Amino acid sequence: MYELRGEGWLRFLLAPYCARITTFVVLGLALLSLAVGWWLTLTVALGYFALVAWRGARLRIRADPSGVSVVNVFRSYSIPWSEVHAIWTDEEWAAPQKIVVGRRRGRLWAVDVHASLGLGAVRRRAAAFALAEVGWAHGYGFAAGDVDDLMALHEAGLLEETDATAHRAWWEERRRLDM
């Protein structure tokens, strides 16, 4: 089993910016301010940010024999290992970097893991591998790493491979060559 909780204060500060709903709330507060005045707007804004801060304190990702459980700001996910397509770190965007759990199919194909807020790139990548190791240990194969690793796995023909031993062998060979 593996569990990750984000870094306390940094996660607390970044949590309001990860929720996509924040954009709508800010626009709604601006309209509310025009309609009824600043005091009600301030009350609603403080309530919203208190809610997000409270939920931000609960952020986590947990991997166990049954799959991956993600608790984000407004939503929780339970993803069985058979549905995991890849676990990678997203370092390319201007938004806070995060771990992403890609699903093979579903309404949303990937789940952002806000519990990785505040981790540096090296610790975030290590956490992605620790999560993948739990799945690989239970016989499920999927890609893991960062975006460059996923591209290398795609070139090697392993991105769609579901055999855990193939992924482990590829990573052991890559580690051996890097040394």
N, C-alpha and C. Protein backbone atom coordinates (compact mmCIF):
# COMPACT_ATOMS: atom_id res chain seq x y z
N MET A 1 0.85 -1.17 0.00
CA MET A 1 0.00 0.00 0.00
C MET A 1 0.89 1.24 0.00
N TYR A 2 0.44 2.28 -0.67
CA TYR A 2 1.16 3.55 -0.73
C TYR A 2 0.15 4.67 -0.57
N GLU A 3 0.51 5.68 0.21
CA GLU A 3 -0.37 6.83 0.36
C GLU A 3 0.45 8.10 0.29
N LEU A 4 -0.10 9.10 -0.38
CA LEU A 4 0.58 10.39 -0.52
C LEU A 4 -0.38 11.49 -0.12
N ARG A 5 0.10 12.33 0.74
CA ARG A 5 -0.61 13.55 1.09
C ARG A 5 0.31 14.69 0.71
N GLY A 6 -0.26 15.76 0.21
CA GLY A 6 0.55 16.89 -0.26
C GLY A 6 1.24 17.64 0.86
N GLU A 7 2.07 18.60 0.49
CA GLU A 7 2.77 19.45 1.43
C GLU A 7 1.80 20.44 2.04
N GLY A 8 1.75 20.52 3.35
CA GLY A 8 0.79 21.30 4.10
C GLY A 8 0.46 22.70 3.61
N TRP A 9 1.30 23.68 3.89
CA TRP A 9 0.96 25.08 3.59
C TRP A 9 0.89 25.36 2.11
N LEU A 10 1.81 24.80 1.33
CA LEU A 10 1.78 25.05 -0.10
C LEU A 10 0.53 24.46 -0.73
N ARG A 11 0.16 23.27 -0.29
CA ARG A 11 -1.08 22.65 -0.78
C ARG A 11 -2.29 23.49 -0.39
N PHE A 12 -2.28 23.99 0.83
CA PHE A 12 -3.35 24.84 1.33
C PHE A 12 -3.50 26.09 0.46
N LEU A 13 -2.38 26.67 0.05
CA LEU A 13 -2.42 27.89 -0.76
C LEU A 13 -2.80 27.62 -2.22
N LEU A 14 -2.40 26.47 -2.73
CA LEU A 14 -2.65 26.16 -4.15
C LEU A 14 -4.01 25.51 -4.41
N ALA A 15 -4.61 24.91 -3.41
CA ALA A 15 -5.87 24.17 -3.60
C ALA A 15 -6.97 25.00 -4.27
N PRO A 16 -7.18 26.28 -3.89
CA PRO A 16 -8.26 27.02 -4.56
C PRO A 16 -8.05 27.20 -6.05
N TYR A 17 -6.81 27.17 -6.51
CA TYR A 17 -6.53 27.41 -7.92
C TYR A 17 -6.62 26.14 -8.77
N CYS A 18 -6.72 24.99 -8.13
CA CYS A 18 -6.81 23.73 -8.86
C CYS A 18 -8.24 23.37 -9.21
N ALA A 19 -9.15 23.84 -8.43
CA ALA A 19 -10.55 23.51 -8.69
C ALA A 19 -11.03 24.33 -9.88
N ARG A 20 -11.47 23.65 -10.92
CA ARG A 20 -11.93 24.35 -12.12
C ARG A 20 -13.13 25.25 -11.83
N ILE A 21 -13.85 24.91 -10.80
CA ILE A 21 -15.03 25.68 -10.46
C ILE A 21 -14.66 27.08 -9.96
N THR A 22 -13.41 27.28 -9.55
CA THR A 22 -12.98 28.58 -9.02
C THR A 22 -13.25 29.70 -10.02
N THR A 23 -13.04 29.47 -11.29
CA THR A 23 -13.31 30.49 -12.31
C THR A 23 -14.76 30.93 -12.27
N PHE A 24 -15.67 29.97 -12.18
CA PHE A 24 -17.09 30.29 -12.13
C PHE A 24 -17.46 31.01 -10.83
N VAL A 25 -16.83 30.61 -9.76
CA VAL A 25 -17.11 31.27 -8.48
C VAL A 25 -16.66 32.72 -8.51
N VAL A 26 -15.48 32.98 -9.05
CA VAL A 26 -14.98 34.35 -9.13
C VAL A 26 -15.89 35.21 -10.00
N LEU A 27 -16.33 34.67 -11.14
CA LEU A 27 -17.26 35.41 -12.00
C LEU A 27 -18.59 35.64 -11.30
N GLY A 28 -19.07 34.63 -10.60
CA GLY A 28 -20.32 34.77 -9.85
C GLY A 28 -20.20 35.81 -8.74
N LEU A 29 -19.06 35.84 -8.07
CA LEU A 29 -18.85 36.83 -7.03
C LEU A 29 -18.81 38.24 -7.60
N ALA A 30 -18.23 38.39 -8.77
CA ALA A 30 -18.20 39.71 -9.40
C ALA A 30 -19.62 40.18 -9.73
N LEU A 31 -20.43 39.29 -10.26
CA LEU A 31 -21.82 39.64 -10.57
C LEU A 31 -22.62 39.91 -9.30
N LEU A 32 -22.38 39.10 -8.27
CA LEU A 32 -23.05 39.31 -7.00
C LEU A 32 -22.68 40.66 -6.39
N SER A 33 -21.42 41.01 -6.53
CA SER A 33 -20.96 42.30 -6.02
C SER A 33 -21.67 43.46 -6.71
N LEU A 34 -21.86 43.34 -8.01
CA LEU A 34 -22.57 44.39 -8.75
C LEU A 34 -24.04 44.46 -8.36
N ALA A 35 -24.62 43.30 -8.03
CA ALA A 35 -26.05 43.25 -7.75
C ALA A 35 -26.41 43.66 -6.33
N VAL A 36 -25.67 43.19 -5.33
CA VAL A 36 -26.11 43.41 -3.95
C VAL A 36 -25.12 44.16 -3.07
N GLY A 37 -23.91 44.30 -3.47
CA GLY A 37 -22.96 45.02 -2.64
C GLY A 37 -21.81 44.17 -2.19
N TRP A 38 -20.84 44.82 -1.61
CA TRP A 38 -19.59 44.15 -1.28
C TRP A 38 -19.67 43.27 -0.04
N TRP A 39 -20.50 43.58 0.95
CA TRP A 39 -20.50 42.82 2.19
C TRP A 39 -20.99 41.38 1.99
N LEU A 40 -22.03 41.19 1.18
CA LEU A 40 -22.51 39.83 0.90
C LEU A 40 -21.50 39.07 0.05
N THR A 41 -20.90 39.76 -0.89
CA THR A 41 -19.88 39.15 -1.74
C THR A 41 -18.70 38.68 -0.90
N LEU A 42 -18.27 39.51 0.03
CA LEU A 42 -17.16 39.15 0.90
C LEU A 42 -17.51 37.94 1.76
N THR A 43 -18.71 37.87 2.26
CA THR A 43 -19.16 36.75 3.08
C THR A 43 -19.16 35.45 2.27
N VAL A 44 -19.68 35.50 1.06
CA VAL A 44 -19.72 34.32 0.19
C VAL A 44 -18.30 33.90 -0.19
N ALA A 45 -17.44 34.86 -0.52
CA ALA A 45 -16.06 34.55 -0.90
C ALA A 45 -15.31 33.89 0.25
N LEU A 46 -15.45 34.44 1.45
CA LEU A 46 -14.77 33.84 2.60
C LEU A 46 -15.29 32.43 2.89
N GLY A 47 -16.58 32.24 2.75
CA GLY A 47 -17.16 30.90 2.93
C GLY A 47 -16.62 29.91 1.91
N TYR A 48 -16.54 30.34 0.65
CA TYR A 48 -16.03 29.47 -0.42
C TYR A 48 -14.58 29.09 -0.15
N PHE A 49 -13.75 30.06 0.16
CA PHE A 49 -12.34 29.76 0.39
C PHE A 49 -12.13 28.95 1.67
N ALA A 50 -12.99 29.11 2.65
CA ALA A 50 -12.92 28.26 3.84
C ALA A 50 -13.25 26.81 3.48
N LEU A 51 -14.26 26.62 2.63
CA LEU A 51 -14.62 25.28 2.17
C LEU A 51 -13.47 24.64 1.41
N VAL A 52 -12.87 25.40 0.50
CA VAL A 52 -11.76 24.87 -0.29
C VAL A 52 -10.56 24.55 0.61
N ALA A 53 -10.30 25.41 1.59
CA ALA A 53 -9.18 25.16 2.51
C ALA A 53 -9.43 23.89 3.33
N TRP A 54 -10.66 23.70 3.79
CA TRP A 54 -11.01 22.51 4.54
C TRP A 54 -10.84 21.26 3.68
N ARG A 55 -11.35 21.32 2.46
CA ARG A 55 -11.22 20.18 1.54
C ARG A 55 -9.76 19.97 1.14
N GLY A 56 -9.01 21.08 1.02
CA GLY A 56 -7.60 20.98 0.67
C GLY A 56 -6.79 20.22 1.72
N ALA A 57 -7.23 20.28 2.95
CA ALA A 57 -6.55 19.55 4.02
C ALA A 57 -6.78 18.04 3.91
N ARG A 58 -7.74 17.62 3.11
CA ARG A 58 -8.07 16.19 2.97
C ARG A 58 -7.48 15.57 1.69
N LEU A 59 -6.76 16.34 0.88
CA LEU A 59 -6.23 15.83 -0.37
C LEU A 59 -5.32 14.62 -0.15
N ARG A 60 -5.50 13.59 -0.96
CA ARG A 60 -4.61 12.43 -0.87
C ARG A 60 -4.80 11.51 -2.07
N ILE A 61 -3.83 10.65 -2.25
CA ILE A 61 -3.94 9.54 -3.19
C ILE A 61 -3.45 8.31 -2.47
N ARG A 62 -4.15 7.22 -2.68
CA ARG A 62 -3.83 5.98 -2.00
C ARG A 62 -3.88 4.84 -3.01
N ALA A 63 -2.85 4.02 -2.99
CA ALA A 63 -2.81 2.84 -3.85
C ALA A 63 -2.77 1.60 -2.96
N ASP A 64 -3.65 0.67 -3.25
CA ASP A 64 -3.69 -0.59 -2.50
C ASP A 64 -4.00 -1.71 -3.49
N PRO A 65 -4.16 -2.94 -3.03
CA PRO A 65 -4.40 -4.04 -3.97
C PRO A 65 -5.62 -3.86 -4.87
N SER A 66 -6.61 -3.08 -4.44
CA SER A 66 -7.81 -2.93 -5.25
C SER A 66 -7.69 -1.85 -6.32
N GLY A 67 -6.81 -0.88 -6.13
CA GLY A 67 -6.66 0.18 -7.12
C GLY A 67 -6.18 1.48 -6.50
N VAL A 68 -6.54 2.57 -7.13
CA VAL A 68 -6.10 3.90 -6.73
C VAL A 68 -7.31 4.70 -6.26
N SER A 69 -7.18 5.33 -5.10
CA SER A 69 -8.23 6.22 -4.58
C SER A 69 -7.65 7.63 -4.53
N VAL A 70 -8.37 8.57 -5.14
CA VAL A 70 -7.93 9.96 -5.19
C VAL A 70 -8.98 10.83 -4.52
N VAL A 71 -8.56 11.67 -3.58
CA VAL A 71 -9.44 12.65 -2.96
C VAL A 71 -8.93 14.02 -3.39
N ASN A 72 -9.71 14.69 -4.22
CA ASN A 72 -9.36 16.03 -4.69
C ASN A 72 -10.20 17.06 -3.95
N VAL A 73 -10.14 18.30 -4.39
CA VAL A 73 -10.83 19.38 -3.68
C VAL A 73 -12.34 19.15 -3.64
N PHE A 74 -12.95 18.87 -4.77
CA PHE A 74 -14.41 18.73 -4.81
C PHE A 74 -14.90 17.35 -5.17
N ARG A 75 -14.00 16.43 -5.49
CA ARG A 75 -14.45 15.14 -5.97
C ARG A 75 -13.49 14.05 -5.53
N SER A 76 -14.01 12.86 -5.30
CA SER A 76 -13.19 11.70 -4.98
C SER A 76 -13.36 10.66 -6.07
N TYR A 77 -12.32 9.89 -6.33
CA TYR A 77 -12.34 8.86 -7.37
C TYR A 77 -11.81 7.56 -6.79
N SER A 78 -12.36 6.47 -7.26
CA SER A 78 -11.85 5.15 -6.94
C SER A 78 -11.66 4.43 -8.27
N ILE A 79 -10.42 4.17 -8.62
CA ILE A 79 -10.09 3.62 -9.93
C ILE A 79 -9.45 2.24 -9.74
N PRO A 80 -10.11 1.17 -10.22
CA PRO A 80 -9.49 -0.16 -10.09
C PRO A 80 -8.26 -0.26 -11.00
N TRP A 81 -7.31 -1.10 -10.61
CA TRP A 81 -6.07 -1.23 -11.39
C TRP A 81 -6.34 -1.62 -12.84
N SER A 82 -7.39 -2.38 -13.08
CA SER A 82 -7.68 -2.80 -14.46
C SER A 82 -8.03 -1.63 -15.36
N GLU A 83 -8.43 -0.49 -14.78
CA GLU A 83 -8.79 0.69 -15.56
C GLU A 83 -7.66 1.70 -15.70
N VAL A 84 -6.54 1.48 -14.99
CA VAL A 84 -5.43 2.44 -15.06
C VAL A 84 -4.65 2.22 -16.35
N HIS A 85 -4.51 3.29 -17.13
CA HIS A 85 -3.76 3.24 -18.38
C HIS A 85 -2.33 3.72 -18.19
N ALA A 86 -2.14 4.74 -17.36
CA ALA A 86 -0.81 5.28 -17.10
C ALA A 86 -0.87 6.19 -15.88
N ILE A 87 0.28 6.34 -15.22
CA ILE A 87 0.43 7.29 -14.13
C ILE A 87 1.66 8.12 -14.46
N TRP A 88 1.45 9.42 -14.63
CA TRP A 88 2.56 10.27 -15.03
C TRP A 88 2.52 11.62 -14.33
N THR A 89 3.64 12.32 -14.41
CA THR A 89 3.70 13.67 -13.86
C THR A 89 3.54 14.65 -15.00
N ASP A 90 2.77 15.67 -14.75
CA ASP A 90 2.50 16.70 -15.75
C ASP A 90 3.29 17.94 -15.37
N GLU A 91 4.40 18.17 -16.05
CA GLU A 91 5.29 19.29 -15.73
C GLU A 91 5.27 20.38 -16.79
N GLU A 92 4.48 20.23 -17.81
CA GLU A 92 4.55 21.12 -18.96
C GLU A 92 3.69 22.37 -18.86
N TRP A 93 2.65 22.36 -18.08
CA TRP A 93 1.69 23.45 -18.08
C TRP A 93 2.04 24.52 -17.07
N ALA A 94 1.49 25.69 -17.26
CA ALA A 94 1.73 26.80 -16.33
C ALA A 94 0.96 26.62 -15.02
N ALA A 95 -0.08 25.81 -15.04
CA ALA A 95 -0.84 25.53 -13.82
C ALA A 95 0.04 24.72 -12.87
N PRO A 96 -0.34 24.59 -11.62
CA PRO A 96 0.48 23.78 -10.70
C PRO A 96 0.70 22.38 -11.25
N GLN A 97 1.95 21.92 -11.19
CA GLN A 97 2.28 20.60 -11.70
C GLN A 97 1.68 19.55 -10.77
N LYS A 98 1.38 18.40 -11.37
CA LYS A 98 0.65 17.38 -10.62
C LYS A 98 0.93 16.00 -11.18
N ILE A 99 0.46 15.00 -10.44
CA ILE A 99 0.45 13.63 -10.93
C ILE A 99 -0.90 13.42 -11.61
N VAL A 100 -0.90 12.66 -12.69
CA VAL A 100 -2.13 12.37 -13.43
C VAL A 100 -2.29 10.86 -13.51
N VAL A 101 -3.49 10.38 -13.19
CA VAL A 101 -3.81 8.96 -13.35
C VAL A 101 -4.72 8.85 -14.57
N GLY A 102 -4.17 8.28 -15.64
CA GLY A 102 -4.94 8.10 -16.87
C GLY A 102 -5.76 6.83 -16.80
N ARG A 103 -7.00 6.92 -17.25
CA ARG A 103 -7.88 5.76 -17.26
C ARG A 103 -8.04 5.24 -18.69
N ARG A 104 -8.30 3.97 -18.81
CA ARG A 104 -8.47 3.36 -20.13
C ARG A 104 -9.74 3.84 -20.83
N ARG A 105 -10.77 4.07 -20.07
CA ARG A 105 -12.03 4.57 -20.64
C ARG A 105 -12.83 5.24 -19.54
N GLY A 106 -13.85 5.95 -19.91
CA GLY A 106 -14.68 6.57 -18.90
C GLY A 106 -15.09 7.98 -19.32
N ARG A 107 -15.86 8.60 -18.45
CA ARG A 107 -16.36 9.94 -18.74
C ARG A 107 -15.20 10.92 -18.86
N LEU A 108 -14.31 10.87 -17.92
CA LEU A 108 -13.08 11.66 -17.99
C LEU A 108 -11.94 10.66 -18.06
N TRP A 109 -11.05 10.82 -19.00
CA TRP A 109 -10.02 9.81 -19.20
C TRP A 109 -8.85 9.94 -18.24
N ALA A 110 -8.68 11.08 -17.61
CA ALA A 110 -7.58 11.24 -16.67
C ALA A 110 -8.05 11.97 -15.43
N VAL A 111 -7.42 11.66 -14.32
CA VAL A 111 -7.74 12.29 -13.04
C VAL A 111 -6.49 13.00 -12.54
N ASP A 112 -6.58 14.30 -12.32
CA ASP A 112 -5.48 15.05 -11.73
C ASP A 112 -5.43 14.75 -10.24
N VAL A 113 -4.24 14.60 -9.71
CA VAL A 113 -4.06 14.31 -8.29
C VAL A 113 -3.56 15.57 -7.61
N HIS A 114 -4.45 16.26 -6.94
CA HIS A 114 -4.07 17.51 -6.28
C HIS A 114 -3.25 17.27 -5.02
N ALA A 115 -3.19 16.04 -4.53
CA ALA A 115 -2.37 15.75 -3.34
C ALA A 115 -0.89 15.93 -3.63
N SER A 116 -0.51 15.97 -4.90
CA SER A 116 0.90 16.15 -5.24
C SER A 116 1.29 17.62 -5.30
N LEU A 117 0.37 18.52 -4.98
CA LEU A 117 0.70 19.94 -4.94
C LEU A 117 1.80 20.19 -3.92
N GLY A 118 2.75 21.01 -4.27
CA GLY A 118 3.81 21.36 -3.34
C GLY A 118 5.02 20.44 -3.40
N LEU A 119 4.91 19.32 -4.09
CA LEU A 119 6.07 18.45 -4.26
C LEU A 119 6.92 18.96 -5.41
N GLY A 120 8.21 18.82 -5.29
CA GLY A 120 9.09 19.17 -6.40
C GLY A 120 9.00 18.12 -7.49
N ALA A 121 9.57 18.40 -8.65
CA ALA A 121 9.48 17.50 -9.81
C ALA A 121 10.06 16.12 -9.50
N VAL A 122 11.18 16.06 -8.79
CA VAL A 122 11.81 14.77 -8.50
C VAL A 122 10.94 13.95 -7.54
N ARG A 123 10.43 14.56 -6.50
CA ARG A 123 9.57 13.85 -5.55
C ARG A 123 8.25 13.44 -6.19
N ARG A 124 7.73 14.28 -7.09
CA ARG A 124 6.46 13.95 -7.76
C ARG A 124 6.66 12.74 -8.68
N ARG A 125 7.78 12.70 -9.41
CA ARG A 125 8.07 11.57 -10.30
C ARG A 125 8.28 10.29 -9.48
N ALA A 126 8.98 10.40 -8.34
CA ALA A 126 9.18 9.25 -7.46
C ALA A 126 7.84 8.74 -6.92
N ALA A 127 6.94 9.65 -6.59
CA ALA A 127 5.61 9.25 -6.11
C ALA A 127 4.83 8.54 -7.21
N ALA A 128 4.94 9.01 -8.45
CA ALA A 128 4.27 8.34 -9.56
C ALA A 128 4.78 6.91 -9.73
N PHE A 129 6.10 6.72 -9.59
CA PHE A 129 6.66 5.37 -9.68
C PHE A 129 6.24 4.51 -8.50
N ALA A 130 6.16 5.09 -7.30
CA ALA A 130 5.73 4.33 -6.13
C ALA A 130 4.29 3.84 -6.31
N LEU A 131 3.44 4.70 -6.86
CA LEU A 131 2.06 4.30 -7.16
C LEU A 131 2.04 3.17 -8.18
N ALA A 132 2.85 3.31 -9.24
CA ALA A 132 2.90 2.29 -10.29
C ALA A 132 3.42 0.97 -9.75
N GLU A 133 4.39 1.02 -8.85
CA GLU A 133 4.95 -0.21 -8.27
C GLU A 133 3.88 -1.03 -7.57
N VAL A 134 2.95 -0.36 -6.90
CA VAL A 134 1.87 -1.09 -6.22
C VAL A 134 1.02 -1.84 -7.25
N GLY A 135 0.68 -1.18 -8.35
CA GLY A 135 -0.09 -1.83 -9.41
C GLY A 135 0.68 -2.95 -10.08
N TRP A 136 1.96 -2.70 -10.37
CA TRP A 136 2.79 -3.73 -11.00
C TRP A 136 2.94 -4.94 -10.09
N ALA A 137 3.04 -4.71 -8.78
CA ALA A 137 3.19 -5.81 -7.82
C ALA A 137 1.95 -6.72 -7.80
N HIS A 138 0.82 -6.18 -8.18
CA HIS A 138 -0.41 -6.97 -8.21
C HIS A 138 -0.74 -7.46 -9.62
N GLY A 139 0.22 -7.40 -10.53
CA GLY A 139 0.07 -7.99 -11.86
C GLY A 139 -0.54 -7.11 -12.92
N TYR A 140 -0.69 -5.82 -12.65
CA TYR A 140 -1.27 -4.92 -13.65
C TYR A 140 -0.15 -4.13 -14.31
N GLY A 141 -0.22 -4.05 -15.63
CA GLY A 141 0.81 -3.33 -16.37
C GLY A 141 0.26 -2.06 -16.98
N PHE A 142 1.00 -0.99 -16.81
CA PHE A 142 0.65 0.31 -17.40
C PHE A 142 1.90 1.18 -17.36
N ALA A 143 1.85 2.24 -18.12
CA ALA A 143 3.00 3.14 -18.22
C ALA A 143 3.09 4.03 -16.99
N ALA A 144 4.31 4.47 -16.68
CA ALA A 144 4.53 5.38 -15.56
C ALA A 144 5.74 6.25 -15.86
N GLY A 145 5.80 7.40 -15.20
CA GLY A 145 6.93 8.31 -15.36
C GLY A 145 6.47 9.72 -15.63
N ASP A 146 7.28 10.44 -16.42
CA ASP A 146 6.87 11.77 -16.84
C ASP A 146 6.51 11.72 -18.32
N VAL A 147 6.25 12.85 -18.91
CA VAL A 147 5.80 12.88 -20.31
C VAL A 147 6.88 12.30 -21.23
N ASP A 148 8.16 12.60 -20.96
CA ASP A 148 9.24 12.05 -21.78
C ASP A 148 9.31 10.52 -21.66
N ASP A 149 9.09 10.01 -20.45
CA ASP A 149 9.07 8.56 -20.26
C ASP A 149 7.93 7.91 -21.05
N LEU A 150 6.77 8.55 -21.05
CA LEU A 150 5.64 8.01 -21.81
C LEU A 150 5.92 8.00 -23.30
N MET A 151 6.61 9.03 -23.78
CA MET A 151 6.98 9.05 -25.21
C MET A 151 7.97 7.92 -25.52
N ALA A 152 8.93 7.68 -24.62
CA ALA A 152 9.89 6.59 -24.82
C ALA A 152 9.18 5.23 -24.78
N LEU A 153 8.24 5.08 -23.87
CA LEU A 153 7.46 3.84 -23.82
C LEU A 153 6.63 3.65 -25.08
N HIS A 154 6.09 4.74 -25.61
CA HIS A 154 5.33 4.67 -26.86
C HIS A 154 6.24 4.21 -28.01
N GLU A 155 7.43 4.78 -28.09
CA GLU A 155 8.38 4.39 -29.14
C GLU A 155 8.81 2.94 -29.00
N ALA A 156 8.86 2.44 -27.76
CA ALA A 156 9.24 1.05 -27.52
C ALA A 156 8.06 0.09 -27.71
N GLY A 157 6.86 0.64 -27.95
CA GLY A 157 5.68 -0.20 -28.14
C GLY A 157 5.06 -0.71 -26.86
N LEU A 158 5.39 -0.08 -25.74
CA LEU A 158 4.89 -0.55 -24.45
C LEU A 158 3.78 0.32 -23.86
N LEU A 159 3.40 1.38 -24.52
CA LEU A 159 2.41 2.28 -23.95
C LEU A 159 1.07 1.57 -23.75
N GLU A 160 0.71 0.70 -24.66
CA GLU A 160 -0.56 -0.03 -24.55
C GLU A 160 -0.39 -1.42 -23.95
N GLU A 161 0.83 -1.79 -23.58
CA GLU A 161 1.11 -3.11 -23.00
C GLU A 161 0.51 -3.21 -21.60
N THR A 162 -0.14 -4.33 -21.30
CA THR A 162 -0.77 -4.52 -19.99
C THR A 162 -0.05 -5.59 -19.15
N ASP A 163 1.12 -6.03 -19.60
CA ASP A 163 1.89 -7.01 -18.85
C ASP A 163 2.85 -6.28 -17.91
N ALA A 164 2.70 -6.49 -16.62
CA ALA A 164 3.51 -5.79 -15.62
C ALA A 164 4.99 -6.14 -15.74
N THR A 165 5.30 -7.39 -16.09
CA THR A 165 6.71 -7.78 -16.19
C THR A 165 7.42 -7.05 -17.34
N ALA A 166 6.70 -6.76 -18.41
CA ALA A 166 7.30 -6.02 -19.52
C ALA A 166 7.67 -4.61 -19.08
N HIS A 167 6.80 -3.96 -18.31
CA HIS A 167 7.11 -2.61 -17.84
C HIS A 167 8.27 -2.62 -16.85
N ARG A 168 8.28 -3.56 -15.94
CA ARG A 168 9.39 -3.65 -14.99
C ARG A 168 10.70 -3.91 -15.70
N ALA A 169 10.71 -4.83 -16.66
CA ALA A 169 11.94 -5.14 -17.40
C ALA A 169 12.44 -3.92 -18.17
N TRP A 170 11.53 -3.18 -18.78
CA TRP A 170 11.92 -1.98 -19.53
C TRP A 170 12.56 -0.96 -18.60
N TRP A 171 11.96 -0.75 -17.41
CA TRP A 171 12.50 0.22 -16.46
C TRP A 171 13.81 -0.25 -15.88
N GLU A 172 13.98 -1.53 -15.60
CA GLU A 172 15.26 -2.03 -15.08
C GLU A 172 16.36 -1.83 -16.12
N GLU A 173 16.06 -2.10 -17.37
CA GLU A 173 17.04 -1.89 -18.44
C GLU A 173 17.39 -0.41 -18.58
N ARG A 174 16.41 0.44 -18.51
CA ARG A 174 16.66 1.89 -18.62
C ARG A 174 17.51 2.38 -17.44
N ARG A 175 17.23 1.91 -16.24
CA ARG A 175 18.03 2.29 -15.07
C ARG A 175 19.47 1.79 -15.21
N ARG A 176 19.63 0.58 -15.75
CA ARG A 176 20.96 0.02 -15.93
C ARG A 176 21.76 0.84 -16.93
N LEU A 177 21.11 1.29 -18.00
CA LEU A 177 21.79 2.10 -19.02
C LEU A 177 22.12 3.50 -18.51
N ASP A 178 21.31 4.02 -17.60
CA ASP A 178 21.57 5.37 -17.07
C ASP A 178 22.74 5.40 -16.11
N MET A 179 23.07 4.25 -15.54
CA MET A 179 24.18 4.22 -14.57
C MET A 179 25.51 4.18 -15.23
